[in-house]
Amino acid sequence: MTHHLVDYAATCAGFEWPRPEKYNFAGDVVDRVAQRSPEQLALLWIDDHGRHVERTFKDVSVASKRICNVLASCGVRRGDVLVLILPRIPQWWEVFTACLRMGVIVAPGTTQLSATDIKYRLNSSRAVCVVTDDSNAAKVDQIASDCPALRVKLVVDRDRSGWIALGQAVATAAVEFDPVATAADENAICYFTSGTTGYPKMCMHTHCYALGHINTGRYWLDLRPEDLHWNISDTGWAKAAWSSYFGPWLCGATVFVHHTSGFSAKRSLEILQRYPITTLCGAPTIYRMFVQEDLRRYRFSRLRHCVGAGEPLNPEVIQTWREATGLTIRDGYGQTETALLCGSFPGIEPRYGSMGKPAPGIELRVLDDEGQVAKPQQEGDVAVRIKPRPPQGVFKEYMNDPERTAQCLGGEWYRTGDRARVDEDGYFWFVGRADDVILSAGYRIGPFEVESALIEHAAVAESAVVSSPDGTRGEVVKAFVVLAPGHVASEALVKELQEHVKAVTAPYKYPRKIEFVASLPKTVSGKIRRAELRQREWGATA
């Protein structure tokens, strides 16, 4: 099969970003595919109970129009913020499309969010509407009275007091709703992304963010209309926008969705063998779990292309997977703030452990401390040139934070906060985060959030949170804890603190390792020296 990107150099040399004044993905992509190929599958959905659902692009188009009419009848308007917290069910794709269609800003969130997390997101974004399922609606009910802007609550799966049942409302809604003529630079999607200090930042993308994923779908995922693409990702993360929404649908490909309560490597491999999945995207943790299984037992007859993203993938895992399947896992690199920036594209020779080369239309460099382009093999900051015009897919701003926005986007380069080096042949090699953000199993976790949760427990006087190496997850959250007077270290207390963090904030953030210490290393000004603790975990090379 011929790949989209056969000649990397020629593709990059001839690449130009489309720069329309108006753009609306619902109308310009979903509706057009629906009109051109009404029977083209957009979604193939299964769950662990044997249920099987298919949605054509026409189905998604019509469903999104009906949802627009429901939202409009509730007073939700263009420019309003809607918080979307749904698991991997078809309504997530339909509501997401509806928001884009009517110019409502969609703010996706993972179903693992706690009530406190949800309150923060609703209030900081001044969201007027939330769409969720019954279990998360219970969390919203705990905090709704503290969210003055929230006036519309829709639940997808059952009747609930004080909520509008989305399914019932959609069934009687009108089927016509023309896409709004949204400006390409109009606000469209708000992602919350964890930082080193403070609570998650609101990363605002515009409608032309979708165009940034031309690289994702066409060149990295290498998709065509006949493909069935499986991205094993939570709907709450930008990765879902990359590989479960914009990337595949820009190419007219079908998205495969497995709705499950928890990841099982064995079950996932069985699915990969049973269904005609042609392309696969997963976090490195998933591949690390795959290669621990007996891969000789499986045959993936239709699978032709595999990619990984979220953190670097160990070369030995790539080698083991290749020996078993004949396929090379190709890495991709980007951020919540961007679309794909760098990748091991089908048109280039892979180097195991490398991030690959810059995506077409992206001027990516490693800069030294003086802001100059670093020499080959010299470690520095990964940066994207954003002047005179940024490439499509780079975020517009951190909402309500003009100072941080100016810091990131005010100059010639957007510095990603990641460290890397470039070899003599132009391949990028990830070194680590420049800050203390922890990348665990594809999740991005800010130490401040975990430390804030821990300090709420009576036994904790002080804590510092850093990453710690882990064979499966790459790195995990570790907490160094100074106990309050009257409390004694024990295994029981470790478990109690872990459960406490799970209850206070999203469960994926809990510290898998806890070490009790008498004191924490600090600077003269009293700041915790996390770098020293991280070095203790990782060794002198950290």
Protein backbone atom coordinates (compact mmCIF):
# COMPACT_ATOMS: atom_id res chain seq x y z
CA MET A 1 0.00 0.00 0.00
CA THR A 2 1.33 3.46 -0.90
CA HIS A 3 1.75 5.79 2.06
CA HIS A 4 0.58 9.41 2.01
CA LEU A 5 4.09 10.53 2.87
CA VAL A 6 6.45 8.74 0.47
CA ASP A 7 9.03 11.51 0.08
CA TYR A 8 9.41 13.33 3.40
CA ALA A 9 11.66 16.12 2.09
CA ALA A 10 9.46 16.83 -0.94
CA THR A 11 6.27 16.81 1.16
CA CYS A 12 7.76 19.29 3.64
CA ALA A 13 9.13 21.51 0.86
CA GLY A 14 5.77 21.72 -0.89
CA PHE A 15 3.56 21.95 2.19
CA GLU A 16 1.40 25.03 2.78
CA TRP A 17 -1.13 25.44 5.55
CA PRO A 18 -4.70 26.15 4.46
CA ARG A 19 -5.66 29.52 5.97
CA PRO A 20 -9.41 30.04 5.47
CA GLU A 21 -11.09 33.04 7.07
CA LYS A 22 -14.10 30.90 8.06
CA TYR A 23 -13.93 27.29 9.17
CA ASN A 24 -16.33 24.92 10.85
CA PHE A 25 -15.35 21.26 11.07
CA ALA A 26 -18.96 20.09 11.45
CA GLY A 27 -19.98 21.70 8.17
CA ASP A 28 -16.70 21.59 6.26
CA VAL A 29 -15.86 17.96 7.04
CA VAL A 30 -18.61 15.94 8.74
CA ASP A 31 -21.47 17.26 6.58
CA ARG A 32 -19.44 17.07 3.38
CA VAL A 33 -18.47 13.43 3.93
CA ALA A 34 -22.13 12.73 4.86
CA GLN A 35 -23.33 14.30 1.61
CA ARG A 36 -20.65 12.70 -0.57
CA SER A 37 -20.77 9.22 1.03
CA PRO A 38 -23.86 8.96 3.26
CA GLU A 39 -23.15 5.31 4.10
CA GLN A 40 -19.50 5.92 5.05
CA LEU A 41 -18.97 4.67 8.61
CA ALA A 42 -17.76 7.31 11.06
CA LEU A 43 -17.87 5.12 14.19
CA LEU A 44 -17.77 1.42 14.93
CA TRP A 45 -18.46 1.05 18.66
CA ILE A 46 -18.36 -2.02 20.89
CA ASP A 47 -18.41 -2.68 24.63
CA ASP A 48 -17.63 -5.57 26.97
CA HIS A 49 -21.26 -6.73 27.00
CA GLY A 50 -21.39 -7.68 23.33
CA ARG A 51 -23.15 -4.53 22.20
CA HIS A 52 -22.23 -3.22 18.75
CA VAL A 53 -23.19 0.21 17.33
CA GLU A 54 -22.43 1.72 13.94
CA ARG A 55 -22.73 5.41 13.08
CA THR A 56 -22.34 6.77 9.56
CA PHE A 57 -21.14 10.31 8.94
CA LYS A 58 -24.75 11.09 8.04
CA ASP A 59 -25.89 9.71 11.42
CA VAL A 60 -23.37 11.88 13.24
CA SER A 61 -24.32 14.91 11.14
CA VAL A 62 -28.04 14.52 11.88
CA ALA A 63 -27.54 13.69 15.57
CA SER A 64 -25.32 16.76 16.02
CA LYS A 65 -27.98 18.98 14.38
CA ARG A 66 -30.64 17.64 16.73
CA ILE A 67 -28.35 18.26 19.73
CA CYS A 68 -27.76 21.83 18.52
CA ASN A 69 -31.52 22.42 18.54
CA VAL A 70 -31.78 20.98 22.06
CA LEU A 71 -28.96 23.19 23.31
CA ALA A 72 -30.36 26.26 21.58
CA SER A 73 -33.80 25.65 23.11
CA CYS A 74 -32.11 25.59 26.53
CA GLY A 75 -30.52 28.98 25.89
CA VAL A 76 -27.00 27.81 25.08
CA ARG A 77 -25.50 30.26 22.60
CA ARG A 78 -22.48 30.76 20.37
CA GLY A 79 -19.44 31.60 22.50
CA ASP A 80 -20.80 29.87 25.62
CA VAL A 81 -18.70 27.14 27.28
CA LEU A 82 -20.03 23.58 27.56
CA VAL A 83 -18.17 21.10 29.77
CA LEU A 84 -18.35 17.61 28.23
CA ILE A 85 -17.65 14.68 30.56
CA LEU A 86 -18.55 11.40 28.89
CA PRO A 87 -16.88 8.00 28.56
CA ARG A 88 -16.23 6.43 25.17
CA ILE A 89 -19.84 6.35 23.99
CA PRO A 90 -21.19 7.63 20.64
CA GLN A 91 -22.81 10.68 22.28
CA TRP A 92 -19.36 12.10 23.00
CA TRP A 93 -18.65 12.40 19.25
CA GLU A 94 -22.15 13.73 18.56
CA VAL A 95 -22.08 16.42 21.28
CA PHE A 96 -18.51 17.44 20.34
CA THR A 97 -19.64 17.88 16.72
CA ALA A 98 -22.74 19.81 17.84
CA CYS A 99 -20.62 22.27 19.81
CA LEU A 100 -18.39 22.97 16.82
CA ARG A 101 -21.46 23.29 14.57
CA MET A 102 -23.11 25.98 16.68
CA GLY A 103 -19.97 27.83 17.81
CA VAL A 104 -20.21 26.69 21.44
CA ILE A 105 -16.82 26.22 23.14
CA VAL A 106 -16.44 22.60 24.21
CA ALA A 107 -14.33 21.81 27.30
CA PRO A 108 -13.78 18.03 27.48
CA GLY A 109 -12.97 16.36 30.79
CA THR A 110 -12.15 12.83 31.86
CA THR A 111 -14.78 10.80 33.72
CA GLN A 112 -12.17 10.32 36.47
CA LEU A 113 -12.56 13.93 37.62
CA SER A 114 -13.70 14.42 41.20
CA ALA A 115 -16.53 16.78 42.18
CA THR A 116 -13.88 19.32 43.25
CA ASP A 117 -12.13 19.04 39.87
CA ILE A 118 -15.44 19.55 38.06
CA LYS A 119 -16.30 22.61 40.15
CA TYR A 120 -12.93 24.15 39.30
CA ARG A 121 -13.47 23.56 35.59
CA LEU A 122 -17.04 24.86 35.57
CA ASN A 123 -16.18 28.02 37.48
CA SER A 124 -12.84 28.88 35.87
CA SER A 125 -14.32 28.52 32.37
CA ARG A 126 -17.64 30.11 33.42
CA ALA A 127 -19.40 27.20 31.74
CA VAL A 128 -23.16 27.60 31.27
CA CYS A 129 -23.78 23.95 30.39
CA VAL A 130 -22.58 20.48 31.32
CA VAL A 131 -23.27 17.24 29.43
CA THR A 132 -22.41 14.05 31.26
CA ASP A 133 -23.58 10.57 32.29
CA ASP A 134 -25.46 9.55 35.42
CA SER A 135 -22.45 8.71 37.59
CA ASN A 136 -20.75 12.03 36.86
CA ALA A 137 -24.05 13.91 37.17
CA ALA A 138 -24.00 12.84 40.83
CA LYS A 139 -20.65 14.63 41.22
CA VAL A 140 -22.05 17.75 39.52
CA ASP A 141 -25.04 17.74 41.89
CA GLN A 142 -22.64 17.94 44.84
CA ILE A 143 -21.17 21.24 43.65
CA ALA A 144 -23.76 22.80 41.28
CA SER A 145 -24.95 25.33 43.88
CA ASP A 146 -21.37 26.70 43.98
CA CYS A 147 -21.27 27.22 40.19
CA PRO A 148 -23.24 30.45 39.48
CA ALA A 149 -22.80 30.40 35.67
CA LEU A 150 -24.10 26.84 35.27
CA ARG A 151 -27.73 26.87 34.15
CA VAL A 152 -28.15 23.87 31.79
CA LYS A 153 -27.50 20.26 32.82
CA LEU A 154 -27.96 17.37 30.38
CA VAL A 155 -27.54 13.70 31.23
CA VAL A 156 -27.21 11.09 28.50
CA ASP A 157 -28.22 7.75 29.92
CA ARG A 158 -31.28 8.07 32.18
CA ASP A 159 -33.82 10.36 33.82
CA ARG A 160 -32.44 12.37 36.71
CA SER A 161 -34.11 15.00 38.86
CA GLY A 162 -33.08 18.52 37.86
CA TRP A 163 -31.49 17.32 34.61
CA ILE A 164 -32.64 17.19 30.99
CA ALA A 165 -32.51 13.68 29.51
CA LEU A 166 -30.52 14.25 26.32
CA GLY A 167 -31.78 11.11 24.57
CA GLN A 168 -35.44 12.03 25.02
CA ALA A 169 -34.85 15.66 24.04
CA VAL A 170 -32.92 14.69 20.91
CA ALA A 171 -35.63 12.25 19.77
CA THR A 172 -38.15 15.08 19.37
CA ALA A 173 -35.74 17.82 18.21
CA ALA A 174 -35.72 19.31 14.71
CA VAL A 175 -33.27 17.72 12.27
CA GLU A 176 -32.01 20.87 10.58
CA PHE A 177 -29.34 23.19 11.96
CA ASP A 178 -26.95 24.94 9.59
CA PRO A 179 -23.35 25.20 10.81
CA VAL A 180 -22.48 28.64 12.12
CA ALA A 181 -20.05 30.55 9.90
CA THR A 182 -17.40 30.53 12.61
CA ALA A 183 -14.20 32.49 12.04
CA ALA A 184 -11.14 30.26 11.77
CA ASP A 185 -9.61 32.06 14.77
CA GLU A 186 -12.79 31.93 16.88
CA ASN A 187 -12.60 30.04 20.19
CA ALA A 188 -13.68 26.39 19.81
CA ILE A 189 -12.10 23.98 22.33
CA CYS A 190 -10.82 24.52 25.86
CA TYR A 191 -8.53 21.86 27.31
CA PHE A 192 -7.37 21.86 30.90
CA THR A 193 -3.68 21.01 31.17
CA SER A 194 -1.69 20.43 34.36
CA GLY A 195 1.29 22.64 35.08
CA THR A 196 4.04 22.76 37.70
CA THR A 197 2.33 25.29 39.93
CA GLY A 198 -1.33 26.02 40.51
CA TYR A 199 -4.36 24.24 39.17
CA PRO A 200 -4.76 23.24 35.50
CA LYS A 201 -4.42 25.97 32.89
CA MET A 202 -7.17 26.52 30.33
CA CYS A 203 -5.65 25.98 26.91
CA MET A 204 -7.84 27.60 24.24
CA HIS A 205 -7.89 26.33 20.67
CA THR A 206 -9.70 27.89 17.74
CA HIS A 207 -11.73 26.30 14.95
CA CYS A 208 -8.64 26.05 12.73
CA TYR A 209 -7.05 23.73 15.32
CA ALA A 210 -8.77 20.99 13.30
CA LEU A 211 -6.61 21.89 10.29
CA GLY A 212 -3.49 21.31 12.40
CA HIS A 213 -4.48 17.65 12.42
CA ILE A 214 -3.95 17.27 8.68
CA ASN A 215 -0.49 16.10 9.74
CA THR A 216 -1.95 13.79 12.37
CA GLY A 217 -4.41 12.00 10.11
CA ARG A 218 -2.83 12.07 6.68
CA TYR A 219 0.87 11.80 7.40
CA TRP A 220 1.38 10.23 10.84
CA LEU A 221 -1.69 7.97 11.16
CA ASP A 222 -1.51 7.48 7.36
CA LEU A 223 -5.30 7.19 7.05
CA ARG A 224 -7.68 6.80 4.12
CA PRO A 225 -11.48 6.38 3.93
CA GLU A 226 -11.18 2.58 3.88
CA ASP A 227 -9.27 2.47 7.19
CA LEU A 228 -10.63 1.39 10.58
CA HIS A 229 -8.58 3.28 13.17
CA TRP A 230 -8.38 2.40 16.87
CA ASN A 231 -7.05 5.01 19.26
CA ILE A 232 -6.93 3.64 22.81
CA SER A 233 -7.44 6.94 24.64
CA ASP A 234 -9.75 8.53 27.19
CA THR A 235 -12.17 11.09 25.71
CA GLY A 236 -11.10 13.70 28.26
CA TRP A 237 -7.69 14.31 26.75
CA ALA A 238 -6.49 16.20 23.70
CA LYS A 239 -5.25 12.83 22.37
CA ALA A 240 -8.89 12.01 21.62
CA ALA A 241 -9.12 15.14 19.46
CA TRP A 242 -5.92 14.07 17.68
CA SER A 243 -6.63 10.43 16.91
CA SER A 244 -10.28 9.73 17.73
CA TYR A 245 -11.82 12.75 16.06
CA PHE A 246 -10.07 15.30 13.85
CA GLY A 247 -7.23 13.15 12.46
CA PRO A 248 -9.37 10.21 11.25
CA TRP A 249 -12.41 12.19 10.14
CA LEU A 250 -10.35 14.69 8.12
CA CYS A 251 -9.37 11.58 6.10
CA GLY A 252 -12.91 10.14 6.02
CA ALA A 253 -11.72 7.10 8.01
CA THR A 254 -13.79 5.09 10.51
CA VAL A 255 -13.03 5.42 14.23
CA PHE A 256 -13.13 2.15 16.18
CA VAL A 257 -14.22 2.56 19.81
CA HIS A 258 -14.04 0.02 22.63
CA HIS A 259 -16.01 1.16 25.68
CA THR A 260 -14.70 -0.57 28.78
CA SER A 261 -14.39 0.17 32.49
CA GLY A 262 -10.70 -0.72 32.61
CA PHE A 263 -7.85 -1.55 30.25
CA SER A 264 -6.94 -5.21 29.73
CA ALA A 265 -4.01 -6.02 27.45
CA LYS A 266 -5.33 -9.54 26.77
CA ARG A 267 -8.83 -8.29 25.91
CA SER A 268 -7.43 -5.54 23.68
CA LEU A 269 -5.25 -7.99 21.76
CA GLU A 270 -8.26 -10.25 21.25
CA ILE A 271 -10.22 -7.28 19.85
CA LEU A 272 -7.31 -6.36 17.58
CA GLN A 273 -7.37 -9.91 16.25
CA ARG A 274 -11.16 -10.13 15.87
CA TYR A 275 -11.99 -6.81 14.17
CA PRO A 276 -10.61 -5.51 10.83
CA ILE A 277 -8.60 -2.74 12.51
CA THR A 278 -5.98 -1.37 10.14
CA THR A 279 -4.27 1.32 12.21
CA LEU A 280 -3.58 1.52 15.94
CA CYS A 281 -2.63 4.38 18.25
CA GLY A 282 -1.81 3.96 21.92
CA ALA A 283 0.25 5.35 24.76
CA PRO A 284 3.61 3.61 25.30
CA THR A 285 2.23 2.04 28.49
CA ILE A 286 -0.25 0.08 26.37
CA TYR A 287 2.48 -1.32 24.13
CA ARG A 288 4.60 -2.14 27.19
CA MET A 289 1.66 -4.17 28.51
CA PHE A 290 1.07 -5.78 25.11
CA VAL A 291 4.61 -7.15 24.86
CA GLN A 292 4.28 -8.80 28.28
CA GLU A 293 1.62 -11.07 26.73
CA ASP A 294 2.37 -14.09 24.53
CA LEU A 295 2.07 -12.30 21.19
CA ARG A 296 2.62 -15.55 19.27
CA ARG A 297 -0.98 -16.48 20.11
CA TYR A 298 -2.40 -13.60 18.06
CA ARG A 299 -2.72 -12.76 14.36
CA PHE A 300 -3.59 -9.23 13.31
CA SER A 301 -4.42 -9.88 9.68
CA ARG A 302 -5.59 -6.36 8.76
CA LEU A 303 -3.27 -4.27 10.94
CA ARG A 304 -0.79 -2.32 8.80
CA HIS A 305 0.34 0.69 10.86
CA CYS A 306 0.99 1.42 14.57
CA VAL A 307 1.85 4.66 16.35
CA GLY A 308 2.55 5.69 19.93
CA ALA A 309 2.38 9.06 21.68
CA GLY A 310 2.33 10.67 25.10
CA GLU A 311 5.87 9.82 26.18
CA PRO A 312 8.96 8.19 24.67
CA LEU A 313 8.66 4.49 23.83
CA ASN A 314 11.42 2.12 24.87
CA PRO A 315 13.40 0.76 21.88
CA GLU A 316 13.19 -2.80 23.25
CA VAL A 317 9.38 -2.63 23.22
CA ILE A 318 9.40 -1.44 19.60
CA GLN A 319 11.75 -4.32 18.72
CA THR A 320 9.62 -6.97 20.50
CA TRP A 321 6.42 -5.71 18.82
CA ARG A 322 8.13 -5.68 15.42
CA GLU A 323 9.39 -9.24 15.84
CA ALA A 324 5.85 -10.40 16.70
CA THR A 325 3.84 -8.38 14.17
CA GLY A 326 6.26 -7.19 11.49
CA LEU A 327 5.17 -3.60 12.25
CA THR A 328 7.21 -0.72 13.64
CA ILE A 329 5.54 1.49 16.28
CA ARG A 330 6.11 5.02 15.04
CA ASP A 331 6.36 7.74 17.67
CA GLY A 332 4.55 11.06 17.49
CA TYR A 333 5.14 14.18 19.55
CA GLY A 334 2.95 17.15 20.38
CA GLN A 335 1.15 18.73 23.31
CA THR A 336 -2.26 19.75 24.57
CA GLU A 337 -1.22 23.20 23.30
CA THR A 338 -0.45 21.98 19.78
CA ALA A 339 -1.29 19.44 17.13
CA LEU A 340 1.39 17.00 15.93
CA LEU A 341 4.83 18.66 15.90
CA CYS A 342 7.17 15.79 15.19
CA GLY A 343 6.84 12.16 14.18
CA SER A 344 8.38 9.00 12.88
CA PHE A 345 6.45 9.21 9.62
CA PRO A 346 6.02 6.26 7.26
CA GLY A 347 8.21 8.09 4.73
CA ILE A 348 11.32 8.14 6.92
CA GLU A 349 13.54 5.39 8.28
CA PRO A 350 12.60 4.85 11.94
CA ARG A 351 15.21 5.20 14.67
CA TYR A 352 14.01 3.34 17.75
CA GLY A 353 13.48 5.68 20.70
CA SER A 354 13.49 8.82 18.55
CA MET A 355 10.58 11.26 18.20
CA GLY A 356 11.29 11.33 14.47
CA LYS A 357 11.43 14.51 12.40
CA PRO A 358 9.37 17.74 12.33
CA ALA A 359 5.91 17.48 10.77
CA PRO A 360 5.27 19.21 7.43
CA GLY A 361 4.57 22.91 7.96
CA ILE A 362 6.29 22.90 11.37
CA GLU A 363 9.61 24.65 11.96
CA LEU A 364 10.80 22.79 15.04
CA ARG A 365 14.14 23.47 16.68
CA VAL A 366 16.08 22.79 19.85
CA LEU A 367 17.22 26.11 21.35
CA ASP A 368 20.08 26.65 23.79
CA ASP A 369 19.94 28.86 26.89
CA GLU A 370 20.68 31.96 24.76
CA GLY A 371 17.80 31.23 22.41
CA GLN A 372 20.06 30.13 19.57
CA VAL A 373 19.58 26.91 17.59
CA ALA A 374 21.50 24.23 19.47
CA LYS A 375 24.33 22.25 17.90
CA PRO A 376 23.73 18.59 16.97
CA GLN A 377 23.44 16.38 20.07
CA GLN A 378 23.28 19.45 22.34
CA GLU A 379 20.38 19.33 24.81
CA GLY A 380 18.01 22.31 24.79
CA ASP A 381 14.41 23.51 24.72
CA VAL A 382 12.03 22.18 22.05
CA ALA A 383 10.53 25.22 20.32
CA VAL A 384 8.15 25.95 17.43
CA ARG A 385 8.54 29.05 15.27
CA ILE A 386 5.30 31.05 15.49
CA LYS A 387 6.30 34.25 13.66
CA PRO A 388 5.33 35.68 11.24
CA ARG A 389 2.35 33.28 11.48
CA PRO A 390 2.00 30.25 13.71
CA PRO A 391 1.36 26.87 12.12
CA GLN A 392 -2.22 25.62 12.37
CA GLY A 393 -2.86 23.74 15.59
CA VAL A 394 -0.90 25.96 18.00
CA PHE A 395 -3.15 27.19 20.80
CA LYS A 396 -4.49 30.73 20.91
CA GLU A 397 -4.06 31.52 24.61
CA TYR A 398 -4.26 30.36 28.18
CA MET A 399 -7.76 31.60 28.95
CA ASN A 400 -7.88 34.35 31.61
CA ASP A 401 -4.08 34.32 31.92
CA PRO A 402 -2.68 37.02 29.62
CA GLU A 403 0.68 37.09 31.43
CA ARG A 404 1.40 33.41 30.87
CA THR A 405 0.06 33.66 27.30
CA ALA A 406 2.41 36.54 26.51
CA GLN A 407 5.29 34.62 28.07
CA CYS A 408 4.66 31.64 25.77
CA LEU A 409 3.42 33.25 22.57
CA GLY A 410 4.87 36.77 22.66
CA GLY A 411 8.13 36.05 20.87
CA GLU A 412 9.36 34.37 17.73
CA TRP A 413 9.22 30.89 19.30
CA TYR A 414 6.75 28.93 21.39
CA ARG A 415 8.87 27.01 23.88
CA THR A 416 7.13 23.75 24.69
CA GLY A 417 8.69 23.17 28.11
CA ASP A 418 10.22 19.93 26.83
CA ARG A 419 13.93 19.20 26.51
CA ALA A 420 15.43 17.29 23.60
CA ARG A 421 18.45 16.98 21.35
CA VAL A 422 18.70 16.66 17.56
CA ASP A 423 21.16 14.28 15.93
CA GLU A 424 23.25 14.98 12.84
CA ASP A 425 20.50 13.61 10.58
CA GLY A 426 17.72 15.79 11.99
CA TYR A 427 16.04 13.20 14.25
CA PHE A 428 14.74 14.55 17.57
CA TRP A 429 15.37 12.66 20.84
CA PHE A 430 13.25 13.46 23.90
CA VAL A 431 15.19 14.14 27.11
CA GLY A 432 12.45 15.17 29.56
CA ARG A 433 10.29 17.96 30.87
CA ALA A 434 11.99 21.25 31.70
CA ASP A 435 9.60 21.58 34.64
CA ASP A 436 8.29 19.11 37.22
CA VAL A 437 5.21 17.87 35.34
CA ILE A 438 4.93 14.07 35.56
CA LEU A 439 4.06 12.05 32.43
CA SER A 440 2.68 8.74 33.66
CA ALA A 441 1.07 6.22 31.30
CA GLY A 442 0.18 9.08 28.96
CA TYR A 443 -1.37 11.18 31.73
CA ARG A 444 0.03 14.62 32.51
CA ILE A 445 0.07 15.24 36.27
CA GLY A 446 1.05 18.47 38.02
CA PRO A 447 2.78 17.97 41.40
CA PHE A 448 0.92 20.93 42.91
CA GLU A 449 -2.44 19.19 42.54
CA VAL A 450 -1.24 16.06 44.34
CA GLU A 451 0.53 18.06 47.05
CA SER A 452 -2.63 20.14 47.58
CA ALA A 453 -4.68 16.96 48.02
CA LEU A 454 -2.17 15.47 50.47
CA ILE A 455 -1.96 18.58 52.64
CA GLU A 456 -5.70 18.31 53.31
CA HIS A 457 -5.05 15.12 55.28
CA ALA A 458 -4.49 15.63 59.00
CA ALA A 459 -1.40 13.39 59.04
CA VAL A 460 0.49 15.47 56.44
CA ALA A 461 2.52 18.48 57.49
CA GLU A 462 4.25 18.94 54.16
CA SER A 463 4.84 17.02 50.94
CA ALA A 464 6.76 17.13 47.69
CA VAL A 465 5.72 15.19 44.61
CA VAL A 466 8.06 14.07 41.81
CA SER A 467 8.26 11.41 39.12
CA SER A 468 9.76 8.01 39.87
CA PRO A 469 10.84 5.39 37.30
CA ASP A 470 8.45 2.54 36.54
CA GLY A 471 8.89 -0.34 34.11
CA THR A 472 5.32 -0.31 32.79
CA ARG A 473 4.12 3.28 33.13
CA GLY A 474 7.43 4.95 32.29
CA GLU A 475 7.20 7.05 35.42
CA VAL A 476 4.79 7.25 38.34
CA VAL A 477 3.86 9.79 40.99
CA LYS A 478 5.95 9.59 44.17
CA ALA A 479 5.25 11.67 47.25
CA PHE A 480 7.80 12.54 49.92
CA VAL A 481 5.75 13.23 53.04
CA VAL A 482 6.65 14.99 56.29
CA LEU A 483 4.22 13.82 58.96
CA ALA A 484 2.38 16.12 61.33
CA PRO A 485 3.11 15.72 65.07
CA GLY A 486 1.39 12.72 66.61
CA HIS A 487 1.34 10.64 63.40
CA VAL A 488 3.50 7.60 62.73
CA ALA A 489 4.58 6.15 59.39
CA SER A 490 2.98 2.81 58.46
CA GLU A 491 1.79 0.80 55.48
CA ALA A 492 -1.76 1.46 56.63
CA LEU A 493 -1.11 5.22 56.49
CA VAL A 494 0.35 4.87 52.97
CA LYS A 495 -2.88 3.24 51.80
CA GLU A 496 -4.97 5.82 53.66
CA LEU A 497 -3.15 8.71 51.98
CA GLN A 498 -3.46 7.07 48.57
CA GLU A 499 -7.20 6.60 49.02
CA HIS A 500 -7.49 10.19 50.27
CA VAL A 501 -5.85 11.59 47.12
CA LYS A 502 -8.08 9.42 44.94
CA ALA A 503 -11.14 10.82 46.71
CA VAL A 504 -10.04 14.48 46.62
CA THR A 505 -8.83 14.59 43.03
CA ALA A 506 -8.90 12.35 39.95
CA PRO A 507 -7.79 8.78 40.80
CA TYR A 508 -5.05 8.68 38.15
CA LYS A 509 -3.14 11.36 40.10
CA TYR A 510 -2.65 9.37 43.30
CA PRO A 511 0.94 8.69 44.47
CA ARG A 512 1.79 5.06 43.74
CA LYS A 513 4.86 5.48 45.92
CA ILE A 514 5.04 7.31 49.26
CA GLU A 515 8.19 7.84 51.31
CA PHE A 516 8.03 9.41 54.77
CA VAL A 517 10.88 11.84 55.46
CA ALA A 518 11.89 14.07 58.36
CA SER A 519 12.29 17.15 56.14
CA LEU A 520 12.29 18.31 52.51
CA PRO A 521 15.23 19.91 50.68
CA LYS A 522 14.59 23.63 50.09
CA THR A 523 16.18 26.68 48.53
CA VAL A 524 17.24 29.68 50.61
CA SER A 525 13.89 31.32 49.77
CA GLY A 526 12.01 28.26 51.06
CA LYS A 527 11.02 26.66 47.74
CA ILE A 528 11.05 22.88 47.67
CA ARG A 529 13.92 21.53 45.59
CA ARG A 530 11.95 18.95 43.63
CA ALA A 531 14.88 18.53 41.24
CA GLU A 532 16.98 17.13 44.10
CA LEU A 533 14.26 14.63 45.01
CA ARG A 534 13.76 13.66 41.38
CA GLN A 535 17.50 13.10 41.01
CA ARG A 536 17.38 10.84 44.06
CA GLU A 537 14.76 8.74 42.27
CA TRP A 538 16.32 8.64 38.83
CA GLY A 539 20.03 8.77 39.67
CA ALA A 540 22.72 11.25 38.69
CA THR A 541 21.61 11.45 35.04
CA ALA A 542 18.15 12.84 35.90
